[in-house]
Amino acid sequence: GACIEKKRLVDKMTEQNTRYKSLLNRILPAAVVQRLDRGEKQIADRFESTSILFSDLVGFTRLSSRLAPSVLIETLDRVFSEFDVIAERCGVEKIKTIGDAYMAAAGLPVPHPEHADAVVLMGIEMIRALNEIRQRRQLPLHMRVGIHSGGVAAGIIGQKRFLYDVWGDTVNVASRMESTGSPGRIHVSANTVALIRNDFQLESRGFIEVKSLGQVETFFVNGRN
C-alpha cells in the first residue's frame, strides 16, 4: 500500500511538473526556459543584431465600442492566434501584446543571421492574414506594421507575473515606425533596409522626424523580390 501511495505521489508530481513546463513554454522563449532549468537566477542579455516588429490595429478602439465584449475578445484572439502561428513559422519570437498592439522580435534570445528578413516576411504574412479575417468577418480591420533593426537588452522582469521583455532605442524606433506608418503597409527604417534590400521590393517614403534619430529616410516594403 505504501508503494502504491508513493507511486501515486510521484505520478502527481510528474504531472504537475509537466503542466508547469508547458505553461512556461507558452509564456517564455524555449531557450530561456532551458536556462532557467539549468539554474540561472537572472536572465539579462545584450543582443547587438536584432529586428523588432510592432503592429497596431487601426481604429480598433472605436470599433470595440460597437462590438459585444464576447465578439471583441474572440476577434482579437483569432487575429493574435494567427500572428502567433506566423511568428513560429518565420522563426520570430513573440514578445507581448498590449491592447490591440502586437510586438515580436528576431535575433533573440537565439541569434538569427537573417533576423531582418524573418521579421519583414512575418509582417507581409500578418497583413495577408488580417485581410482574410476582415473579409470573413466583415469587420473594418486594418493594421500598421513598423520594423527597425539594431541592438537591444532583453531579459525577464517580475516575480508574480513575469515577462520576457526587450528594451532600448531600437524598440523605441520600431514603435515609431509603426505609429508613423500607413494602414496596410510595412514601414521600415534605413537600418532594416540595409539588411533586406536584395530580398524585398522597397519604396522610399521620404524623410520623417524620428525621436532620438532626427530626420531619417524610411521605406515601405511592397513585397518580396
Protein backbone atom coordinates (compact mmCIF):
# COMPACT_ATOMS: atom_id res chain seq x y z
CA GLY A 1 0.00 0.00 0.00
CA ALA A 2 2.85 2.37 0.82
CA CYS A 3 4.47 1.65 -2.55
CA ILE A 4 1.22 2.34 -4.36
CA GLU A 5 0.76 5.63 -2.49
CA LYS A 6 4.36 6.64 -3.21
CA LYS A 7 3.88 5.92 -6.92
CA ARG A 8 0.66 7.96 -6.90
CA LEU A 9 2.52 10.92 -5.36
CA VAL A 10 5.38 10.61 -7.87
CA ASP A 11 2.91 10.47 -10.77
CA LYS A 12 1.11 13.54 -9.43
CA MET A 13 4.37 15.49 -9.07
CA THR A 14 5.42 14.45 -12.58
CA GLU A 15 2.08 15.59 -13.99
CA GLN A 16 2.33 18.94 -12.16
CA ASN A 17 5.90 19.43 -13.40
CA THR A 18 4.81 18.69 -16.97
CA ARG A 19 1.99 21.24 -16.70
CA TYR A 20 4.40 23.80 -15.22
CA LYS A 21 6.88 23.28 -18.06
CA SER A 22 4.09 23.53 -20.63
CA LEU A 23 2.92 26.81 -19.10
CA LEU A 24 6.46 28.22 -19.02
CA ASN A 25 6.96 27.36 -22.68
CA ARG A 26 3.79 29.25 -23.53
CA ILE A 27 4.97 32.33 -21.64
CA LEU A 28 8.73 32.37 -22.26
CA PRO A 29 11.00 31.53 -25.20
CA ALA A 30 12.15 27.90 -25.16
CA ALA A 31 15.82 28.91 -24.91
CA VAL A 32 15.05 30.97 -21.81
CA VAL A 33 13.13 28.10 -20.18
CA GLN A 34 16.16 25.85 -20.73
CA ARG A 35 18.41 28.37 -19.00
CA LEU A 36 16.03 28.56 -16.04
CA ASP A 37 16.06 24.75 -15.86
CA ARG A 38 19.86 24.89 -15.62
CA GLY A 39 19.52 27.06 -12.52
CA GLU A 40 20.11 30.59 -13.85
CA LYS A 41 18.51 33.06 -11.45
CA GLN A 42 18.62 36.17 -13.63
CA ILE A 43 18.10 36.33 -17.38
CA ALA A 44 19.61 39.54 -18.76
CA ASP A 45 21.39 39.76 -22.11
CA ARG A 46 22.57 42.20 -24.75
CA PHE A 47 21.90 41.41 -28.42
CA GLU A 48 23.61 43.63 -30.99
CA SER A 49 21.87 42.31 -34.10
CA THR A 50 18.07 42.06 -33.88
CA SER A 51 14.94 43.28 -35.64
CA ILE A 52 11.86 44.47 -33.77
CA LEU A 53 8.32 44.48 -35.17
CA PHE A 54 5.32 46.42 -33.89
CA SER A 55 1.83 46.18 -35.31
CA ASP A 56 -1.33 48.01 -34.32
CA LEU A 57 -4.95 47.59 -35.42
CA VAL A 58 -6.05 50.95 -36.82
CA GLY A 59 -9.30 52.29 -35.33
CA PHE A 60 -9.88 49.19 -33.23
CA THR A 61 -10.56 51.22 -30.09
CA ARG A 62 -13.52 52.92 -31.79
CA LEU A 63 -14.65 49.62 -33.28
CA SER A 64 -14.54 47.93 -29.87
CA SER A 65 -17.17 50.31 -28.51
CA ARG A 66 -19.62 48.92 -31.11
CA LEU A 67 -18.84 45.23 -30.53
CA ALA A 68 -20.17 42.96 -27.82
CA PRO A 69 -17.36 42.00 -25.39
CA SER A 70 -17.53 38.36 -26.48
CA VAL A 71 -17.15 39.34 -30.16
CA LEU A 72 -14.32 41.76 -29.33
CA ILE A 73 -12.29 39.19 -27.39
CA GLU A 74 -12.96 36.40 -29.87
CA THR A 75 -11.87 38.63 -32.77
CA LEU A 76 -8.64 39.68 -31.07
CA ASP A 77 -7.96 36.07 -30.09
CA ARG A 78 -8.41 34.95 -33.70
CA VAL A 79 -6.14 37.69 -35.03
CA PHE A 80 -3.35 37.20 -32.47
CA SER A 81 -3.54 33.41 -32.70
CA GLU A 82 -2.94 33.73 -36.45
CA PHE A 83 0.01 36.03 -35.74
CA ASP A 84 1.45 33.52 -33.24
CA VAL A 85 1.39 30.78 -35.88
CA ILE A 86 3.07 33.10 -38.40
CA ALA A 87 5.76 34.07 -35.88
CA GLU A 88 6.64 30.44 -35.24
CA ARG A 89 6.68 29.67 -38.96
CA CYS A 90 9.00 32.62 -39.69
CA GLY A 91 11.38 31.95 -36.78
CA VAL A 92 10.32 35.10 -34.94
CA GLU A 93 9.78 35.41 -31.17
CA LYS A 94 6.51 36.90 -29.94
CA ILE A 95 7.30 39.35 -27.13
CA LYS A 96 3.88 40.55 -25.98
CA THR A 97 0.54 42.09 -26.86
CA ILE A 98 -0.61 45.44 -25.48
CA GLY A 99 -4.30 46.00 -26.13
CA ASP A 100 -4.60 45.63 -29.90
CA ALA A 101 -0.84 46.00 -30.50
CA TYR A 102 1.48 43.06 -31.17
CA MET A 103 5.25 43.07 -30.60
CA ALA A 104 7.71 40.49 -31.93
CA ALA A 105 11.47 40.17 -32.44
CA ALA A 106 14.04 38.09 -34.31
CA GLY A 107 17.68 37.62 -33.33
CA LEU A 108 16.86 36.90 -29.68
CA PRO A 109 17.07 35.01 -27.36
CA VAL A 110 18.92 32.94 -30.00
CA PRO A 111 20.93 34.82 -32.70
CA HIS A 112 19.34 34.71 -36.15
CA PRO A 113 21.60 35.51 -39.15
CA GLU A 114 18.62 36.70 -41.24
CA HIS A 115 16.59 38.36 -38.49
CA ALA A 116 15.51 41.31 -40.65
CA ASP A 117 14.25 39.10 -43.48
CA ALA A 118 12.36 36.93 -40.99
CA VAL A 119 10.57 39.88 -39.39
CA VAL A 120 9.70 41.57 -42.69
CA LEU A 121 8.35 38.30 -44.04
CA MET A 122 6.27 37.98 -40.88
CA GLY A 123 4.86 41.46 -41.47
CA ILE A 124 3.81 40.52 -45.00
CA GLU A 125 2.11 37.36 -43.73
CA MET A 126 0.39 39.25 -40.89
CA ILE A 127 -1.20 41.72 -43.29
CA ARG A 128 -2.31 38.89 -45.57
CA ALA A 129 -3.85 37.01 -42.63
CA LEU A 130 -5.65 40.11 -41.38
CA ASN A 131 -7.09 40.76 -44.84
CA GLU A 132 -8.55 37.24 -44.88
CA ILE A 133 -10.05 37.68 -41.40
CA ARG A 134 -11.52 41.05 -42.41
CA GLN A 135 -13.24 39.50 -45.42
CA ARG A 136 -14.59 36.54 -43.46
CA ARG A 137 -15.92 38.61 -40.57
CA GLN A 138 -16.95 41.71 -42.49
CA LEU A 139 -15.22 43.96 -39.97
CA PRO A 140 -13.14 47.07 -40.83
CA LEU A 141 -9.83 45.57 -39.65
CA HIS A 142 -6.70 47.37 -40.83
CA MET A 143 -3.19 47.38 -39.43
CA ARG A 144 0.08 49.31 -39.49
CA VAL A 145 3.39 47.45 -39.20
CA GLY A 146 6.69 49.08 -38.23
CA ILE A 147 10.17 47.49 -38.14
CA HIS A 148 13.62 48.65 -37.05
CA SER A 149 16.91 46.76 -36.63
CA GLY A 150 19.66 47.24 -34.07
CA GLY A 151 20.87 46.31 -30.60
CA VAL A 152 18.64 45.70 -27.58
CA ALA A 153 18.72 44.49 -24.00
CA ALA A 154 16.41 41.60 -23.13
CA GLY A 155 15.53 39.68 -20.01
CA ILE A 156 12.92 38.56 -17.51
CA ILE A 157 11.23 41.04 -15.20
CA GLY A 158 8.73 40.49 -12.40
CA GLN A 159 8.06 37.72 -9.93
CA LYS A 160 4.32 37.05 -9.81
CA ARG A 161 3.51 37.66 -13.49
CA PHE A 162 6.95 37.57 -15.06
CA LEU A 163 7.61 38.62 -18.61
CA TYR A 164 10.45 38.28 -21.12
CA ASP A 165 10.79 41.81 -22.46
CA VAL A 166 13.06 43.94 -24.65
CA TRP A 167 14.41 47.48 -24.14
CA GLY A 168 16.46 50.12 -25.94
CA ASP A 169 16.36 52.75 -28.67
CA THR A 170 15.81 50.03 -31.27
CA VAL A 171 12.48 49.22 -29.61
CA ASN A 172 11.51 52.90 -29.49
CA VAL A 173 12.34 53.45 -33.16
CA ALA A 174 10.43 50.32 -34.20
CA SER A 175 7.40 51.64 -32.33
CA ARG A 176 7.84 54.97 -34.09
CA MET A 177 7.98 53.19 -37.47
CA GLU A 178 4.59 51.68 -36.67
CA SER A 179 2.93 54.86 -35.41
CA THR A 180 4.11 56.94 -38.41
CA GLY A 181 3.29 54.26 -40.97
CA SER A 182 0.16 53.73 -43.08
CA PRO A 183 -2.65 51.16 -42.79
CA GLY A 184 -1.91 48.00 -44.73
CA ARG A 185 1.77 48.92 -45.18
CA ILE A 186 5.06 47.75 -43.66
CA HIS A 187 7.13 50.79 -42.68
CA VAL A 188 10.84 50.12 -42.14
CA SER A 189 13.90 52.11 -41.16
CA ALA A 190 17.11 52.54 -43.15
CA ASN A 191 18.82 50.14 -40.71
CA THR A 192 16.43 47.38 -41.72
CA VAL A 193 16.63 48.29 -45.42
CA ALA A 194 20.42 47.83 -45.32
CA LEU A 195 19.80 44.19 -44.34
CA ILE A 196 16.92 43.36 -46.71
CA ARG A 197 17.42 45.48 -49.85
CA ASN A 198 18.32 42.47 -52.02
CA ASP A 199 15.32 40.40 -50.95
CA PHE A 200 12.35 42.78 -50.94
CA GLN A 201 10.78 45.48 -53.14
CA LEU A 202 11.25 48.82 -51.39
CA GLU A 203 9.62 52.22 -51.86
CA SER A 204 11.18 55.34 -50.33
CA ARG A 205 8.75 57.14 -48.07
CA GLY A 206 10.98 60.22 -47.83
CA PHE A 207 12.33 61.78 -44.65
CA ILE A 208 10.43 61.87 -41.36
CA GLU A 209 11.28 63.04 -37.86
CA VAL A 210 12.11 60.14 -35.54
CA LYS A 211 12.74 60.71 -31.86
CA SER A 212 16.41 60.06 -30.94
CA LEU A 213 17.36 59.92 -34.65
CA GLY A 214 16.16 63.22 -36.10
CA GLN A 215 15.27 63.41 -39.80
CA VAL A 216 15.72 59.99 -41.41
CA GLU A 217 14.67 58.36 -44.66
CA THR A 218 12.24 55.49 -44.25
CA PHE A 219 10.75 52.96 -46.64
CA PHE A 220 7.65 50.89 -47.37
CA VAL A 221 8.04 47.20 -48.23
CA ASN A 222 5.96 46.33 -51.31
CA GLY A 223 6.68 42.59 -51.37
CA ARG A 224 9.41 40.04 -51.95
CA ASN A 225 11.76 40.06 -54.93
